[in-house]
Amino acid sequence: MASPSRTEIISLFRSLLRSARQFPDYNIREYTKRRTIDSFRHNKTLSDPSSIAAAFSDGKSQLQVARRQAVVYSLYAPEIKSIMDVKH
């Protein structure tokens, strides 16, 4: 398995953050964003090409899960917005 390039990794990171923005609920949106950032920080020190490829593959599968979950959550979005979503 080939090691992903830097641009592919950055693209995955941005896609995960973009999919996090799709969640209508503030708590889930922030949790997904925080988990993405923490995972990328944790995997920053990886140097073995096989472990980098495995982490990248896991990230791609997490992206697919996040996209599916965003659709499901949008179907059952709460009618009342969180206080964090209210603009003053």
PDB file of N, CA and C in Angstrom:
ATOM      1  N   MET A   1       0.853  -1.176   0.000  1.00  0.00           N
ATOM      2  CA  MET A   1       0.000   0.000   0.000  1.00  0.00           C
ATOM      3  C   MET A   1       0.900   1.240   0.000  1.00  0.00           C
ATOM      4  N   ALA A   2       0.633   2.141  -0.909  1.00  0.00           N
ATOM      5  CA  ALA A   2       1.438   3.357  -1.015  1.00  0.00           C
ATOM      6  C   ALA A   2       1.061   4.351   0.079  1.00  0.00           C
ATOM      7  N   SER A   3       2.055   5.063   0.522  1.00  0.00           N
ATOM      8  CA  SER A   3       1.834   6.082   1.534  1.00  0.00           C
ATOM      9  C   SER A   3       1.163   7.297   0.878  1.00  0.00           C
ATOM     10  N   PRO A   4       0.144   7.861   1.513  1.00  0.00           N
ATOM     11  CA  PRO A   4      -0.542   9.013   0.917  1.00  0.00           C
ATOM     12  C   PRO A   4       0.360  10.252   0.926  1.00  0.00           C
ATOM     13  N   SER A   5       0.127  11.116  -0.045  1.00  0.00           N
ATOM     14  CA  SER A   5       0.915  12.344  -0.128  1.00  0.00           C
ATOM     15  C   SER A   5       0.401  13.365   0.895  1.00  0.00           C
ATOM     16  N   ARG A   6       1.178  14.407   1.076  1.00  0.00           N
ATOM     17  CA  ARG A   6       0.812  15.467   2.023  1.00  0.00           C
ATOM     18  C   ARG A   6      -0.495  16.141   1.593  1.00  0.00           C
ATOM     19  N   THR A   7      -0.667  16.364   0.298  1.00  0.00           N
ATOM     20  CA  THR A   7      -1.891  17.008  -0.176  1.00  0.00           C
ATOM     21  C   THR A   7      -3.112  16.129   0.040  1.00  0.00           C
ATOM     22  N   GLU A   8      -2.949  14.812  -0.079  1.00  0.00           N
ATOM     23  CA  GLU A   8      -4.071  13.910   0.178  1.00  0.00           C
ATOM     24  C   GLU A   8      -4.455  13.938   1.659  1.00  0.00           C
ATOM     25  N   ILE A   9      -3.463  14.014   2.519  1.00  0.00           N
ATOM     26  CA  ILE A   9      -3.727  14.054   3.961  1.00  0.00           C
ATOM     27  C   ILE A   9      -4.421  15.359   4.339  1.00  0.00           C
ATOM     28  N   ILE A  10      -3.952  16.465   3.791  1.00  0.00           N
ATOM     29  CA  ILE A  10      -4.581  17.762   4.071  1.00  0.00           C
ATOM     30  C   ILE A  10      -6.001  17.800   3.515  1.00  0.00           C
ATOM     31  N   SER A  11      -6.186  17.201   2.347  1.00  0.00           N
ATOM     32  CA  SER A  11      -7.519  17.139   1.758  1.00  0.00           C
ATOM     33  C   SER A  11      -8.468  16.331   2.640  1.00  0.00           C
ATOM     34  N   LEU A  12      -7.987  15.223   3.186  1.00  0.00           N
ATOM     35  CA  LEU A  12      -8.806  14.417   4.093  1.00  0.00           C
ATOM     36  C   LEU A  12      -9.157  15.212   5.347  1.00  0.00           C
ATOM     37  N   PHE A  13      -8.187  15.928   5.900  1.00  0.00           N
ATOM     38  CA  PHE A  13      -8.418  16.750   7.089  1.00  0.00           C
ATOM     39  C   PHE A  13      -9.498  17.795   6.826  1.00  0.00           C
ATOM     40  N   ARG A  14      -9.384  18.482   5.712  1.00  0.00           N
ATOM     41  CA  ARG A  14     -10.378  19.510   5.373  1.00  0.00           C
ATOM     42  C   ARG A  14     -11.747  18.902   5.115  1.00  0.00           C
ATOM     43  N   SER A  15     -11.778  17.748   4.478  1.00  0.00           N
ATOM     44  CA  SER A  15     -13.060  17.081   4.218  1.00  0.00           C
ATOM     45  C   SER A  15     -13.740  16.671   5.515  1.00  0.00           C
ATOM     46  N   LEU A  16     -12.954  16.189   6.472  1.00  0.00           N
ATOM     47  CA  LEU A  16     -13.525  15.815   7.764  1.00  0.00           C
ATOM     48  C   LEU A  16     -14.078  17.039   8.499  1.00  0.00           C
ATOM     49  N   LEU A  17     -13.347  18.143   8.450  1.00  0.00           N
ATOM     50  CA  LEU A  17     -13.848  19.360   9.092  1.00  0.00           C
ATOM     51  C   LEU A  17     -15.094  19.886   8.378  1.00  0.00           C
ATOM     52  N   ARG A  18     -15.110  19.780   7.065  1.00  0.00           N
ATOM     53  CA  ARG A  18     -16.277  20.213   6.293  1.00  0.00           C
ATOM     54  C   ARG A  18     -17.497  19.356   6.618  1.00  0.00           C
ATOM     55  N   SER A  19     -17.285  18.051   6.760  1.00  0.00           N
ATOM     56  CA  SER A  19     -18.410  17.178   7.094  1.00  0.00           C
ATOM     57  C   SER A  19     -18.890  17.432   8.521  1.00  0.00           C
ATOM     58  N   ALA A  20     -17.995  17.860   9.404  1.00  0.00           N
ATOM     59  CA  ALA A  20     -18.401  18.192  10.773  1.00  0.00           C
ATOM     60  C   ALA A  20     -19.344  19.388  10.781  1.00  0.00           C
ATOM     61  N   ARG A  21     -19.124  20.319   9.868  1.00  0.00           N
ATOM     62  CA  ARG A  21     -19.988  21.506   9.799  1.00  0.00           C
ATOM     63  C   ARG A  21     -21.406  21.178   9.356  1.00  0.00           C
ATOM     64  N   GLN A  22     -21.626  19.996   8.800  1.00  0.00           N
ATOM     65  CA  GLN A  22     -22.943  19.622   8.301  1.00  0.00           C
ATOM     66  C   GLN A  22     -23.910  19.181   9.400  1.00  0.00           C
ATOM     67  N   PHE A  23     -23.386  18.896  10.585  1.00  0.00           N
ATOM     68  CA  PHE A  23     -24.255  18.455  11.678  1.00  0.00           C
ATOM     69  C   PHE A  23     -25.072  19.629  12.205  1.00  0.00           C
ATOM     70  N   PRO A  24     -26.378  19.454  12.327  1.00  0.00           N
ATOM     71  CA  PRO A  24     -27.217  20.551  12.827  1.00  0.00           C
ATOM     72  C   PRO A  24     -27.070  20.787  14.332  1.00  0.00           C
ATOM     73  N   ASP A  25     -26.670  19.780  15.077  1.00  0.00           N
ATOM     74  CA  ASP A  25     -26.558  19.906  16.525  1.00  0.00           C
ATOM     75  C   ASP A  25     -25.167  20.419  16.901  1.00  0.00           C
ATOM     76  N   TYR A  26     -25.123  21.436  17.735  1.00  0.00           N
ATOM     77  CA  TYR A  26     -23.862  22.063  18.134  1.00  0.00           C
ATOM     78  C   TYR A  26     -22.917  21.078  18.813  1.00  0.00           C
ATOM     79  N   ASN A  27     -23.426  20.301  19.742  1.00  0.00           N
ATOM     80  CA  ASN A  27     -22.568  19.388  20.500  1.00  0.00           C
ATOM     81  C   ASN A  27     -21.904  18.347  19.605  1.00  0.00           C
ATOM     82  N   ILE A  28     -22.657  17.780  18.706  1.00  0.00           N
ATOM     83  CA  ILE A  28     -22.106  16.772  17.804  1.00  0.00           C
ATOM     84  C   ILE A  28     -21.147  17.412  16.819  1.00  0.00           C
ATOM     85  N   ARG A  29     -21.476  18.593  16.353  1.00  0.00           N
ATOM     86  CA  ARG A  29     -20.611  19.319  15.415  1.00  0.00           C
ATOM     87  C   ARG A  29     -19.249  19.610  16.052  1.00  0.00           C
ATOM     88  N   GLU A  30     -19.260  20.109  17.266  1.00  0.00           N
ATOM     89  CA  GLU A  30     -18.007  20.429  17.949  1.00  0.00           C
ATOM     90  C   GLU A  30     -17.236  19.170  18.347  1.00  0.00           C
ATOM     91  N   TYR A  31     -17.945  18.124  18.730  1.00  0.00           N
ATOM     92  CA  TYR A  31     -17.282  16.869  19.069  1.00  0.00           C
ATOM     93  C   TYR A  31     -16.563  16.298  17.845  1.00  0.00           C
ATOM     94  N   THR A  32     -17.219  16.300  16.704  1.00  0.00           N
ATOM     95  CA  THR A  32     -16.617  15.771  15.484  1.00  0.00           C
ATOM     96  C   THR A  32     -15.403  16.600  15.088  1.00  0.00           C
ATOM     97  N   LYS A  33     -15.521  17.894  15.198  1.00  0.00           N
ATOM     98  CA  LYS A  33     -14.391  18.774  14.878  1.00  0.00           C
ATOM     99  C   LYS A  33     -13.222  18.530  15.823  1.00  0.00           C
ATOM    100  N   ARG A  34     -13.496  18.447  17.116  1.00  0.00           N
ATOM    101  CA  ARG A  34     -12.455  18.229  18.114  1.00  0.00           C
ATOM    102  C   ARG A  34     -11.787  16.870  17.936  1.00  0.00           C
ATOM    103  N   ARG A  35     -12.582  15.849  17.646  1.00  0.00           N
ATOM    104  CA  ARG A  35     -12.031  14.512  17.439  1.00  0.00           C
ATOM    105  C   ARG A  35     -11.143  14.459  16.201  1.00  0.00           C
ATOM    106  N   THR A  36     -11.533  15.152  15.146  1.00  0.00           N
ATOM    107  CA  THR A  36     -10.719  15.199  13.934  1.00  0.00           C
ATOM    108  C   THR A  36      -9.375  15.846  14.220  1.00  0.00           C
ATOM    109  N   ILE A  37      -9.395  16.991  14.866  1.00  0.00           N
ATOM    110  CA  ILE A  37      -8.151  17.716  15.152  1.00  0.00           C
ATOM    111  C   ILE A  37      -7.253  16.894  16.073  1.00  0.00           C
ATOM    112  N   ASP A  38      -7.842  16.288  17.092  1.00  0.00           N
ATOM    113  CA  ASP A  38      -7.050  15.475  18.020  1.00  0.00           C
ATOM    114  C   ASP A  38      -6.429  14.262  17.330  1.00  0.00           C
ATOM    115  N   SER A  39      -7.172  13.632  16.444  1.00  0.00           N
ATOM    116  CA  SER A  39      -6.650  12.457  15.741  1.00  0.00           C
ATOM    117  C   SER A  39      -5.485  12.823  14.839  1.00  0.00           C
ATOM    118  N   PHE A  40      -5.608  13.937  14.148  1.00  0.00           N
ATOM    119  CA  PHE A  40      -4.518  14.349  13.268  1.00  0.00           C
ATOM    120  C   PHE A  40      -3.294  14.776  14.072  1.00  0.00           C
ATOM    121  N   ARG A  41      -3.500  15.397  15.214  1.00  0.00           N
ATOM    122  CA  ARG A  41      -2.361  15.753  16.066  1.00  0.00           C
ATOM    123  C   ARG A  41      -1.682  14.507  16.614  1.00  0.00           C
ATOM    124  N   HIS A  42      -2.477  13.518  16.981  1.00  0.00           N
ATOM    125  CA  HIS A  42      -1.929  12.284  17.513  1.00  0.00           C
ATOM    126  C   HIS A  42      -1.113  11.534  16.449  1.00  0.00           C
ATOM    127  N   ASN A  43      -1.596  11.528  15.211  1.00  0.00           N
ATOM    128  CA  ASN A  43      -0.931  10.800  14.134  1.00  0.00           C
ATOM    129  C   ASN A  43       0.158  11.610  13.445  1.00  0.00           C
ATOM    130  N   LYS A  44       0.407  12.814  13.901  1.00  0.00           N
ATOM    131  CA  LYS A  44       1.426  13.671  13.292  1.00  0.00           C
ATOM    132  C   LYS A  44       2.817  13.070  13.404  1.00  0.00           C
ATOM    133  N   THR A  45       3.059  12.321  14.441  1.00  0.00           N
ATOM    134  CA  THR A  45       4.401  11.785  14.685  1.00  0.00           C
ATOM    135  C   THR A  45       4.659  10.449  13.994  1.00  0.00           C
ATOM    136  N   LEU A  46       3.695   9.935  13.257  1.00  0.00           N
ATOM    137  CA  LEU A  46       3.898   8.658  12.569  1.00  0.00           C
ATOM    138  C   LEU A  46       4.967   8.808  11.498  1.00  0.00           C
ATOM    139  N   SER A  47       5.856   7.818  11.422  1.00  0.00           N
ATOM    140  CA  SER A  47       6.913   7.881  10.418  1.00  0.00           C
ATOM    141  C   SER A  47       6.950   6.643   9.529  1.00  0.00           C
ATOM    142  N   ASP A  48       6.397   5.537  10.000  1.00  0.00           N
ATOM    143  CA  ASP A  48       6.363   4.307   9.221  1.00  0.00           C
ATOM    144  C   ASP A  48       5.316   4.429   8.104  1.00  0.00           C
ATOM    145  N   PRO A  49       5.702   4.206   6.846  1.00  0.00           N
ATOM    146  CA  PRO A  49       4.739   4.348   5.738  1.00  0.00           C
ATOM    147  C   PRO A  49       3.503   3.458   5.864  1.00  0.00           C
ATOM    148  N   SER A  50       3.665   2.271   6.421  1.00  0.00           N
ATOM    149  CA  SER A  50       2.502   1.394   6.563  1.00  0.00           C
ATOM    150  C   SER A  50       1.538   1.912   7.629  1.00  0.00           C
ATOM    151  N   SER A  51       2.062   2.476   8.715  1.00  0.00           N
ATOM    152  CA  SER A  51       1.172   3.021   9.744  1.00  0.00           C
ATOM    153  C   SER A  51       0.507   4.311   9.260  1.00  0.00           C
ATOM    154  N   ILE A  52       1.214   5.090   8.437  1.00  0.00           N
ATOM    155  CA  ILE A  52       0.618   6.297   7.850  1.00  0.00           C
ATOM    156  C   ILE A  52      -0.526   5.895   6.920  1.00  0.00           C
ATOM    157  N   ALA A  53      -0.282   4.868   6.100  1.00  0.00           N
ATOM    158  CA  ALA A  53      -1.319   4.399   5.180  1.00  0.00           C
ATOM    159  C   ALA A  53      -2.517   3.840   5.946  1.00  0.00           C
ATOM    160  N   ALA A  54      -2.269   3.141   7.043  1.00  0.00           N
ATOM    161  CA  ALA A  54      -3.365   2.592   7.846  1.00  0.00           C
ATOM    162  C   ALA A  54      -4.176   3.719   8.491  1.00  0.00           C
ATOM    163  N   ALA A  55      -3.499   4.727   9.012  1.00  0.00           N
ATOM    164  CA  ALA A  55      -4.196   5.865   9.618  1.00  0.00           C
ATOM    165  C   ALA A  55      -4.998   6.628   8.566  1.00  0.00           C
ATOM    166  N   PHE A  56      -4.436   6.765   7.367  1.00  0.00           N
ATOM    167  CA  PHE A  56      -5.136   7.450   6.282  1.00  0.00           C
ATOM    168  C   PHE A  56      -6.388   6.667   5.874  1.00  0.00           C
ATOM    169  N   SER A  57      -6.250   5.354   5.784  1.00  0.00           N
ATOM    170  CA  SER A  57      -7.389   4.504   5.441  1.00  0.00           C
ATOM    171  C   SER A  57      -8.480   4.600   6.503  1.00  0.00           C
ATOM    172  N   ASP A  58      -8.075   4.621   7.769  1.00  0.00           N
ATOM    173  CA  ASP A  58      -9.040   4.777   8.857  1.00  0.00           C
ATOM    174  C   ASP A  58      -9.725   6.138   8.777  1.00  0.00           C
ATOM    175  N   GLY A  59      -8.968   7.163   8.437  1.00  0.00           N
ATOM    176  CA  GLY A  59      -9.544   8.498   8.289  1.00  0.00           C
ATOM    177  C   GLY A  59     -10.568   8.562   7.172  1.00  0.00           C
ATOM    178  N   LYS A  60     -10.289   7.878   6.062  1.00  0.00           N
ATOM    179  CA  LYS A  60     -11.244   7.856   4.956  1.00  0.00           C
ATOM    180  C   LYS A  60     -12.525   7.135   5.346  1.00  0.00           C
ATOM    181  N   SER A  61     -12.394   6.063   6.114  1.00  0.00           N
ATOM    182  CA  SER A  61     -13.599   5.365   6.562  1.00  0.00           C
ATOM    183  C   SER A  61     -14.379   6.225   7.559  1.00  0.00           C
ATOM    184  N   GLN A  62     -13.667   6.974   8.414  1.00  0.00           N
ATOM    185  CA  GLN A  62     -14.344   7.880   9.344  1.00  0.00           C
ATOM    186  C   GLN A  62     -15.068   9.000   8.602  1.00  0.00           C
ATOM    187  N   LEU A  63     -14.496   9.435   7.486  1.00  0.00           N
ATOM    188  CA  LEU A  63     -15.148  10.460   6.668  1.00  0.00           C
ATOM    189  C   LEU A  63     -16.466   9.941   6.109  1.00  0.00           C
ATOM    190  N   GLN A  64     -16.481   8.716   5.633  1.00  0.00           N
ATOM    191  CA  GLN A  64     -17.717   8.134   5.113  1.00  0.00           C
ATOM    192  C   GLN A  64     -18.765   8.011   6.212  1.00  0.00           C
ATOM    193  N   VAL A  65     -18.347   7.614   7.398  1.00  0.00           N
ATOM    194  CA  VAL A  65     -19.269   7.500   8.531  1.00  0.00           C
ATOM    195  C   VAL A  65     -19.822   8.874   8.895  1.00  0.00           C
ATOM    196  N   ALA A  66     -18.956   9.875   8.947  1.00  0.00           N
ATOM    197  CA  ALA A  66     -19.392  11.230   9.308  1.00  0.00           C
ATOM    198  C   ALA A  66     -20.390  11.772   8.291  1.00  0.00           C
ATOM    199  N   ARG A  67     -20.141  11.519   7.020  1.00  0.00           N
ATOM    200  CA  ARG A  67     -21.085  11.990   5.989  1.00  0.00           C
ATOM    201  C   ARG A  67     -22.436  11.320   6.127  1.00  0.00           C
ATOM    202  N   ARG A  68     -22.449  10.012   6.366  1.00  0.00           N
ATOM    203  CA  ARG A  68     -23.727   9.310   6.542  1.00  0.00           C
ATOM    204  C   ARG A  68     -24.450   9.800   7.786  1.00  0.00           C
ATOM    205  N   GLN A  69     -23.722   9.972   8.874  1.00  0.00           N
ATOM    206  CA  GLN A  69     -24.332  10.420  10.115  1.00  0.00           C
ATOM    207  C   GLN A  69     -24.874  11.840   9.995  1.00  0.00           C
ATOM    208  N   ALA A  70     -24.202  12.690   9.247  1.00  0.00           N
ATOM    209  CA  ALA A  70     -24.688  14.056   9.062  1.00  0.00           C
ATOM    210  C   ALA A  70     -26.040  14.046   8.358  1.00  0.00           C
ATOM    211  N   VAL A  71     -26.202  13.152   7.400  1.00  0.00           N
ATOM    212  CA  VAL A  71     -27.491  13.045   6.701  1.00  0.00           C
ATOM    213  C   VAL A  71     -28.566  12.562   7.662  1.00  0.00           C
ATOM    214  N   VAL A  72     -28.254  11.545   8.449  1.00  0.00           N
ATOM    215  CA  VAL A  72     -29.231  11.011   9.400  1.00  0.00           C
ATOM    216  C   VAL A  72     -29.602  12.061  10.437  1.00  0.00           C
ATOM    217  N   TYR A  73     -28.611  12.767  10.981  1.00  0.00           N
ATOM    218  CA  TYR A  73     -28.891  13.802  11.974  1.00  0.00           C
ATOM    219  C   TYR A  73     -29.685  14.954  11.389  1.00  0.00           C
ATOM    220  N   SER A  74     -29.480  15.255  10.113  1.00  0.00           N
ATOM    221  CA  SER A  74     -30.250  16.341   9.507  1.00  0.00           C
ATOM    222  C   SER A  74     -31.717  15.957   9.340  1.00  0.00           C
ATOM    223  N   LEU A  75     -31.990  14.676   9.188  1.00  0.00           N
ATOM    224  CA  LEU A  75     -33.379  14.228   9.081  1.00  0.00           C
ATOM    225  C   LEU A  75     -34.129  14.357  10.407  1.00  0.00           C
ATOM    226  N   TYR A  76     -33.399  14.218  11.503  1.00  0.00           N
ATOM    227  CA  TYR A  76     -34.011  14.268  12.833  1.00  0.00           C
ATOM    228  C   TYR A  76     -33.475  15.433  13.648  1.00  0.00           C
ATOM    229  N   ALA A  77     -33.233  16.548  13.009  1.00  0.00           N
ATOM    230  CA  ALA A  77     -32.682  17.719  13.685  1.00  0.00           C
ATOM    231  C   ALA A  77     -33.694  18.261  14.696  1.00  0.00           C
ATOM    232  N   PRO A  78     -33.217  18.701  15.844  1.00  0.00           N
ATOM    233  CA  PRO A  78     -34.139  19.277  16.831  1.00  0.00           C
ATOM    234  C   PRO A  78     -34.703  20.602  16.324  1.00  0.00           C
ATOM    235  N   GLU A  79     -35.950  20.864  16.702  1.00  0.00           N
ATOM    236  CA  GLU A  79     -36.589  22.096  16.254  1.00  0.00           C
ATOM    237  C   GLU A  79     -36.046  23.316  16.989  1.00  0.00           C
ATOM    238  N   ILE A  80     -35.610  23.111  18.209  1.00  0.00           N
ATOM    239  CA  ILE A  80     -35.067  24.209  19.012  1.00  0.00           C
ATOM    240  C   ILE A  80     -33.554  24.191  18.890  1.00  0.00           C
ATOM    241  N   LYS A  81     -32.992  25.322  18.519  1.00  0.00           N
ATOM    242  CA  LYS A  81     -31.554  25.416  18.374  1.00  0.00           C
ATOM    243  C   LYS A  81     -30.884  25.510  19.743  1.00  0.00           C
ATOM    244  N   SER A  82     -29.643  25.100  19.779  1.00  0.00           N
ATOM    245  CA  SER A  82     -28.845  25.222  20.980  1.00  0.00           C
ATOM    246  C   SER A  82     -28.556  26.703  21.249  1.00  0.00           C
ATOM    247  N   ILE A  83     -28.338  27.045  22.471  1.00  0.00           N
ATOM    248  CA  ILE A  83     -28.015  28.430  22.819  1.00  0.00           C
ATOM    249  C   ILE A  83     -26.709  28.860  22.141  1.00  0.00           C
ATOM    250  N   MET A  84     -25.839  27.898  21.843  1.00  0.00           N
ATOM    251  CA  MET A  84     -24.563  28.203  21.182  1.00  0.00           C
ATOM    252  C   MET A  84     -24.771  28.560  19.720  1.00  0.00           C
ATOM    253  N   ASP A  85     -25.883  28.142  19.119  1.00  0.00           N
ATOM    254  CA  ASP A  85     -26.159  28.432  17.722  1.00  0.00           C
ATOM    255  C   ASP A  85     -26.902  29.754  17.510  1.00  0.00           C
ATOM    256  N   VAL A  86     -27.447  30.325  18.560  1.00  0.00           N
ATOM    257  CA  VAL A  86     -28.225  31.547  18.451  1.00  0.00           C
ATOM    258  C   VAL A  86     -27.274  32.725  18.255  1.00  0.00           C
ATOM    259  N   LYS A  87     -27.513  33.499  17.196  1.00  0.00           N
ATOM    260  CA  LYS A  87     -26.703  34.687  16.910  1.00  0.00           C
ATOM    261  C   LYS A  87     -27.323  35.886  17.601  1.00  0.00           C
ATOM    262  N   HIS A  88     -26.490  36.685  18.213  1.00  0.00           N
ATOM    263  CA  HIS A  88     -26.980  37.892  18.891  1.00  0.00           C
ATOM    264  C   HIS A  88     -26.806  39.093  18.018  1.00  0.00           C
TER     265      HIS A  88
END
